[in-house]
Amino acid sequence: MPTRPAGLIAFALTIVYLVWGSTYLGIRVVVKEVPPLLGMGSRFLVAAILLGLLLGLRSGFARLRVTRRELLGCTIVGMLLPVLGNGLVSVGEDRGAPSGVTALLIAIAPLMITVFRFASGDRPPARSVIGIALGLVGLVYLVVAGHRGTSGHVPLGPALIVLFASTCWAFGSWVQPRLTLPADAFVMTVHEMWTGGVVMLVAGTISGERLHPTAYSPHVWVAWGYLVVFGSMVAFSAYVWLLGNAPISLVATYAYVNPVVAVILGALILNEPVTAAILVGGAVIVVGVAIVISAERVRTPAALAPDPD
């Protein structure tokens, strides 16, 4: 992994933390009127076109060329992240999962990444494992206590869909650095988004979803536009760049920080209930991410030991 300035990594993490924390609210607003797969598929396809045009006008469209192996790698990641990850999250929210709870359920991603790391022979630091385990405890408490509660009920079916989506996202995040992909993170993002977007559009059409653009309210269009520009073009590019330039356990901490933003916004804007289970489970999760960050903190070039590879 190349050495990158800690400040640049921190800036990219901040974008992912804050912007993606707000996208759960955006998705919740959009799927109230727009079919989930077509809504998210069009989001990623339009974002890919806009980002591709931006790159082409600035650096020449030759920059977007990729080899067949690189396009295959982008397609695989596009299936795991935008389609099975984000697409299924939108389906879960469409079926009733609150935006704040959805973000908290996504916190299983770092645990699954750790499972994939152990399976591949990679041993994370002990403190990182402790932090992830603590986050899992908070997640389990949230689901169990929230499901039993009378207010702020966590629907089991949509919750399972979101948990499966989180596992797919975690596998995509873990496998991405192991695939043949374009060296340019922005070019990689373009091809991952358009391939994933096309698959979702096809899947949504086959499943019977239909778009009715003139029937959607203005606030739905605002939320959809926010998802295109900030959730996809900006934050997705930052996330893809981080996967190739920062420790995976550090990158995965977005799944712990996003819920804090999502719960606050869901309560303020959509009046989603903030129950004791959400407060206690969320607090435990945040402590877990603090431990992971301390264990996976970015080392300076002077302190970085030579890579044995």
Protein backbone atom coordinates (compact mmCIF):
# COMPACT_ATOMS: atom_id res chain seq x y z
CA MET A 1 0.00 0.00 0.00
CA PRO A 2 1.47 3.40 -0.96
CA THR A 3 2.22 5.93 1.75
CA ARG A 4 -0.22 8.84 1.72
CA PRO A 5 -0.32 12.02 3.87
CA ALA A 6 -2.37 11.48 7.02
CA GLY A 7 -4.18 14.77 6.42
CA LEU A 8 -5.40 13.65 2.98
CA ILE A 9 -6.63 10.35 4.39
CA ALA A 10 -8.39 12.19 7.23
CA PHE A 11 -10.07 14.53 4.74
CA ALA A 12 -11.35 11.65 2.61
CA LEU A 13 -12.58 9.84 5.73
CA THR A 14 -14.44 12.96 6.88
CA ILE A 15 -16.25 13.13 3.53
CA VAL A 16 -17.28 9.48 3.79
CA TYR A 17 -18.28 9.87 7.44
CA LEU A 18 -20.53 12.91 6.97
CA VAL A 19 -21.87 12.53 3.44
CA TRP A 20 -22.66 8.83 3.63
CA GLY A 21 -24.21 9.36 7.04
CA SER A 22 -26.71 11.66 5.35
CA THR A 23 -27.35 9.42 2.34
CA TYR A 24 -29.46 7.00 4.41
CA LEU A 25 -31.88 9.86 4.92
CA GLY A 26 -31.72 10.69 1.21
CA ILE A 27 -32.46 7.08 0.25
CA ARG A 28 -35.37 6.96 2.69
CA VAL A 29 -36.86 10.10 1.12
CA VAL A 30 -36.39 8.85 -2.44
CA VAL A 31 -37.85 5.36 -1.98
CA LYS A 32 -41.06 6.79 -0.53
CA GLU A 33 -42.04 7.60 -4.12
CA VAL A 34 -39.42 6.06 -6.44
CA PRO A 35 -38.94 2.28 -6.93
CA PRO A 36 -35.71 1.34 -5.08
CA LEU A 37 -33.72 -0.42 -7.81
CA LEU A 38 -34.62 2.03 -10.57
CA GLY A 39 -34.09 4.97 -8.25
CA MET A 40 -30.62 3.87 -7.14
CA GLY A 41 -29.68 2.51 -10.56
CA SER A 42 -30.43 5.84 -12.23
CA ARG A 43 -28.54 7.58 -9.43
CA PHE A 44 -25.33 5.67 -10.08
CA LEU A 45 -25.62 5.75 -13.87
CA VAL A 46 -26.14 9.54 -13.96
CA ALA A 47 -23.32 10.04 -11.44
CA ALA A 48 -20.98 7.92 -13.60
CA ILE A 49 -21.86 9.92 -16.72
CA LEU A 50 -21.33 13.26 -14.97
CA LEU A 51 -18.04 12.20 -13.37
CA GLY A 52 -16.85 10.74 -16.68
CA LEU A 53 -17.66 13.98 -18.48
CA LEU A 54 -15.86 15.97 -15.81
CA LEU A 55 -12.75 13.82 -16.09
CA GLY A 56 -12.87 13.81 -19.89
CA LEU A 57 -13.25 17.58 -20.22
CA ARG A 58 -10.44 18.19 -17.76
CA SER A 59 -7.90 15.56 -18.81
CA GLY A 60 -9.14 14.14 -22.13
CA PHE A 61 -11.49 11.22 -22.62
CA ALA A 62 -8.56 8.89 -23.22
CA ARG A 63 -8.18 8.92 -19.44
CA LEU A 64 -11.30 6.76 -19.18
CA ARG A 65 -9.87 3.90 -21.24
CA VAL A 66 -9.42 0.62 -19.38
CA THR A 67 -8.35 -2.89 -20.32
CA ARG A 68 -10.75 -5.81 -20.39
CA ARG A 69 -9.38 -7.17 -17.12
CA GLU A 70 -9.75 -3.77 -15.49
CA LEU A 71 -13.34 -3.47 -16.74
CA LEU A 72 -14.08 -6.96 -15.41
CA GLY A 73 -12.67 -5.96 -12.02
CA CYS A 74 -14.78 -2.79 -12.01
CA THR A 75 -17.87 -4.83 -12.90
CA ILE A 76 -17.27 -7.24 -10.01
CA VAL A 77 -16.93 -4.37 -7.56
CA GLY A 78 -19.93 -2.65 -9.14
CA MET A 79 -22.00 -5.74 -8.43
CA LEU A 80 -20.83 -6.01 -4.82
CA LEU A 81 -20.94 -2.33 -3.83
CA PRO A 82 -23.60 -0.37 -5.79
CA VAL A 83 -25.87 -3.33 -6.67
CA LEU A 84 -25.84 -5.81 -3.76
CA GLY A 85 -24.66 -3.22 -1.25
CA ASN A 86 -26.45 0.04 -1.93
CA GLY A 87 -29.24 -1.49 -4.01
CA LEU A 88 -30.35 -3.87 -1.28
CA VAL A 89 -30.09 -1.13 1.33
CA SER A 90 -32.62 0.86 -0.69
CA VAL A 91 -34.86 -2.23 -0.88
CA GLY A 92 -34.61 -2.63 2.91
CA GLU A 93 -35.53 1.00 3.49
CA ASP A 94 -38.36 0.74 0.96
CA ARG A 95 -39.78 -2.13 3.01
CA GLY A 96 -39.74 -0.17 6.26
CA ALA A 97 -36.25 -0.07 7.78
CA PRO A 98 -35.75 3.41 9.37
CA SER A 99 -32.77 5.33 7.98
CA GLY A 100 -30.99 5.58 11.34
CA VAL A 101 -31.45 1.90 12.15
CA THR A 102 -30.32 0.95 8.63
CA ALA A 103 -27.07 2.84 9.16
CA LEU A 104 -26.56 1.09 12.47
CA LEU A 105 -27.15 -2.32 10.88
CA ILE A 106 -24.49 -1.53 8.29
CA ALA A 107 -22.02 -1.57 11.19
CA ILE A 108 -21.68 -5.32 10.68
CA ALA A 109 -19.42 -4.55 7.69
CA PRO A 110 -16.18 -4.16 9.72
CA LEU A 111 -16.85 -7.47 11.47
CA MET A 112 -17.29 -9.26 8.15
CA ILE A 113 -14.16 -7.60 6.76
CA THR A 114 -12.26 -8.99 9.76
CA VAL A 115 -13.68 -12.46 9.02
CA PHE A 116 -12.49 -12.18 5.41
CA ARG A 117 -9.07 -10.99 6.62
CA PHE A 118 -8.67 -13.94 8.97
CA ALA A 119 -9.78 -16.34 6.23
CA SER A 120 -7.09 -14.97 3.92
CA GLY A 121 -4.34 -15.27 6.56
CA ASP A 122 -4.23 -11.55 7.37
CA ARG A 123 -4.15 -10.94 11.11
CA PRO A 124 -5.56 -7.56 12.24
CA PRO A 125 -4.16 -5.94 15.41
CA ALA A 126 -5.66 -7.29 18.62
CA ARG A 127 -7.07 -3.89 19.59
CA SER A 128 -8.76 -3.65 16.22
CA VAL A 129 -10.49 -7.00 16.82
CA ILE A 130 -11.56 -5.85 20.30
CA GLY A 131 -13.03 -2.66 18.89
CA ILE A 132 -14.91 -4.53 16.18
CA ALA A 133 -16.24 -7.05 18.71
CA LEU A 134 -17.44 -4.21 20.92
CA GLY A 135 -19.18 -2.66 17.94
CA LEU A 136 -20.87 -5.99 17.26
CA VAL A 137 -22.16 -6.10 20.85
CA GLY A 138 -23.73 -2.70 20.33
CA LEU A 139 -25.23 -3.87 17.04
CA VAL A 140 -26.75 -7.02 18.60
CA TYR A 141 -28.21 -4.99 21.47
CA LEU A 142 -29.70 -2.52 19.01
CA VAL A 143 -31.44 -5.21 16.95
CA VAL A 144 -32.66 -7.33 19.89
CA ALA A 145 -33.82 -4.47 22.12
CA GLY A 146 -35.22 -2.47 19.20
CA HIS A 147 -37.13 -5.48 17.87
CA ARG A 148 -38.74 -6.06 21.28
CA GLY A 149 -39.63 -2.41 21.83
CA THR A 150 -43.04 -1.02 21.04
CA SER A 151 -41.68 2.23 19.59
CA GLY A 152 -38.87 2.45 17.14
CA HIS A 153 -39.60 -1.14 16.11
CA VAL A 154 -36.87 -2.77 14.00
CA PRO A 155 -38.64 -4.88 11.32
CA LEU A 156 -36.87 -8.22 11.04
CA GLY A 157 -37.30 -8.84 7.30
CA PRO A 158 -35.91 -5.50 6.13
CA ALA A 159 -33.19 -5.76 8.79
CA LEU A 160 -32.01 -9.09 7.34
CA ILE A 161 -31.95 -7.57 3.84
CA VAL A 162 -29.78 -4.70 5.12
CA LEU A 163 -27.46 -7.09 6.97
CA PHE A 164 -26.98 -9.15 3.80
CA ALA A 165 -26.32 -5.94 1.86
CA SER A 166 -23.72 -4.98 4.46
CA THR A 167 -21.98 -8.35 4.08
CA CYS A 168 -21.83 -7.92 0.29
CA TRP A 169 -20.45 -4.41 0.72
CA ALA A 170 -17.84 -5.70 3.17
CA PHE A 171 -16.72 -8.43 0.77
CA GLY A 172 -16.53 -5.92 -2.07
CA SER A 173 -14.44 -3.58 0.06
CA TRP A 174 -12.11 -6.40 1.08
CA VAL A 175 -11.70 -7.89 -2.40
CA GLN A 176 -11.29 -4.62 -4.33
CA PRO A 177 -7.54 -4.18 -3.67
CA ARG A 178 -7.04 -7.78 -4.84
CA LEU A 179 -8.59 -7.25 -8.28
CA THR A 180 -7.04 -5.86 -11.46
CA LEU A 181 -8.43 -2.32 -11.50
CA PRO A 182 -7.52 1.05 -13.04
CA ALA A 183 -4.80 2.86 -11.11
CA ASP A 184 -6.82 6.08 -11.30
CA ALA A 185 -9.39 5.94 -8.47
CA PHE A 186 -11.74 8.34 -10.25
CA VAL A 187 -11.71 6.28 -13.46
CA MET A 188 -12.32 3.19 -11.35
CA THR A 189 -15.29 4.90 -9.73
CA VAL A 190 -16.81 5.80 -13.11
CA HIS A 191 -16.73 2.21 -14.36
CA GLU A 192 -17.90 0.73 -11.06
CA MET A 193 -20.87 3.09 -10.93
CA TRP A 194 -22.05 2.76 -14.53
CA THR A 195 -21.83 -1.03 -14.53
CA GLY A 196 -23.64 -1.26 -11.20
CA GLY A 197 -26.20 1.31 -12.31
CA VAL A 198 -27.02 -0.57 -15.51
CA VAL A 199 -27.44 -3.86 -13.63
CA MET A 200 -29.86 -2.23 -11.16
CA LEU A 201 -31.87 -0.63 -13.96
CA VAL A 202 -32.19 -3.97 -15.74
CA ALA A 203 -33.06 -5.82 -12.50
CA GLY A 204 -35.62 -3.20 -11.53
CA THR A 205 -37.28 -3.28 -14.95
CA ILE A 206 -37.44 -7.09 -14.97
CA SER A 207 -38.96 -7.10 -11.46
CA GLY A 208 -41.75 -4.81 -12.64
CA GLU A 209 -40.58 -1.44 -11.34
CA ARG A 210 -41.53 1.61 -13.38
CA LEU A 211 -40.46 5.25 -13.22
CA HIS A 212 -42.95 8.15 -13.26
CA PRO A 213 -40.71 11.25 -13.17
CA THR A 214 -43.50 13.83 -13.50
CA ALA A 215 -45.33 12.39 -10.48
CA TYR A 216 -42.47 12.82 -7.99
CA SER A 217 -42.48 15.71 -5.54
CA PRO A 218 -39.71 18.37 -5.55
CA HIS A 219 -38.14 17.19 -2.29
CA VAL A 220 -37.70 13.70 -3.81
CA TRP A 221 -35.83 15.21 -6.75
CA VAL A 222 -33.65 17.24 -4.36
CA ALA A 223 -32.81 14.08 -2.37
CA TRP A 224 -32.09 12.14 -5.57
CA GLY A 225 -29.83 14.94 -6.86
CA TYR A 226 -27.99 15.00 -3.53
CA LEU A 227 -27.39 11.26 -3.79
CA VAL A 228 -26.07 11.65 -7.35
CA VAL A 229 -23.63 14.49 -6.66
CA PHE A 230 -22.53 14.04 -3.08
CA GLY A 231 -23.40 10.44 -2.24
CA SER A 232 -22.03 8.99 -5.50
CA MET A 233 -19.66 11.38 -7.29
CA VAL A 234 -17.96 12.81 -4.20
CA ALA A 235 -18.22 10.27 -1.38
CA PHE A 236 -18.01 7.11 -3.51
CA SER A 237 -14.85 8.46 -5.17
CA ALA A 238 -13.37 9.23 -1.74
CA TYR A 239 -14.23 5.71 -0.52
CA VAL A 240 -12.71 3.99 -3.54
CA TRP A 241 -9.54 6.08 -3.12
CA LEU A 242 -9.36 5.18 0.58
CA LEU A 243 -9.59 1.45 -0.16
CA GLY A 244 -6.31 1.68 -2.04
CA ASN A 245 -4.52 4.11 0.27
CA ALA A 246 -5.51 3.42 3.89
CA PRO A 247 -5.77 0.36 6.18
CA ILE A 248 -9.02 -1.48 5.51
CA SER A 249 -10.02 -1.52 9.20
CA LEU A 250 -9.60 2.26 9.32
CA VAL A 251 -11.67 2.73 6.16
CA ALA A 252 -14.36 0.42 7.57
CA THR A 253 -14.93 2.73 10.52
CA TYR A 254 -17.30 4.73 8.31
CA ALA A 255 -19.87 2.07 9.20
CA TYR A 256 -19.67 3.10 12.86
CA VAL A 257 -19.67 6.87 12.35
CA ASN A 258 -22.38 7.05 9.66
CA PRO A 259 -25.11 5.90 12.08
CA VAL A 260 -24.54 8.85 14.39
CA VAL A 261 -25.18 11.24 11.50
CA ALA A 262 -28.07 9.14 10.17
CA VAL A 263 -29.86 8.86 13.52
CA ILE A 264 -29.62 12.60 14.17
CA LEU A 265 -30.87 13.54 10.71
CA GLY A 266 -33.62 10.91 10.76
CA ALA A 267 -34.89 12.26 14.07
CA LEU A 268 -34.69 15.92 13.05
CA ILE A 269 -36.10 15.66 9.52
CA LEU A 270 -38.23 12.50 9.36
CA ASN A 271 -39.20 12.36 13.07
CA GLU A 272 -37.83 8.83 13.36
CA PRO A 273 -37.89 7.75 17.03
CA VAL A 274 -34.64 7.74 18.99
CA THR A 275 -35.14 4.93 21.49
CA ALA A 276 -33.03 3.80 24.40
CA ALA A 277 -31.83 0.86 22.28
CA ILE A 278 -30.58 3.24 19.59
CA LEU A 279 -28.83 5.47 22.14
CA VAL A 280 -27.17 2.65 24.09
CA GLY A 281 -26.31 0.53 21.05
CA GLY A 282 -25.07 3.58 19.15
CA ALA A 283 -22.87 4.67 22.07
CA VAL A 284 -21.25 1.22 22.29
CA ILE A 285 -20.66 1.24 18.53
CA VAL A 286 -18.98 4.66 18.68
CA VAL A 287 -16.65 3.46 21.45
CA GLY A 288 -15.78 0.48 19.24
CA VAL A 289 -14.84 2.73 16.34
CA ALA A 290 -12.64 4.85 18.61
CA ILE A 291 -10.68 1.71 19.54
CA VAL A 292 -10.35 0.66 15.89
CA ILE A 293 -9.12 4.11 14.87
CA SER A 294 -6.48 4.08 17.61
CA ALA A 295 -5.32 0.62 16.52
CA GLU A 296 -5.29 1.41 12.79
CA ARG A 297 -4.05 5.00 13.00
CA VAL A 298 -2.12 6.18 9.94
CA ARG A 299 1.65 6.04 10.42
CA THR A 300 3.91 8.75 9.15
CA PRO A 301 6.45 7.92 6.41
CA ALA A 302 9.30 8.23 8.91
CA ALA A 303 7.77 5.64 11.20
CA LEU A 304 6.60 3.33 8.45
CA ALA A 305 8.64 0.14 8.30
CA PRO A 306 9.61 -1.19 4.83
CA ASP A 307 7.02 -3.51 3.35
CA PRO A 308 8.41 -7.06 3.30
CA ASP A 309 6.83 -7.51 -0.15
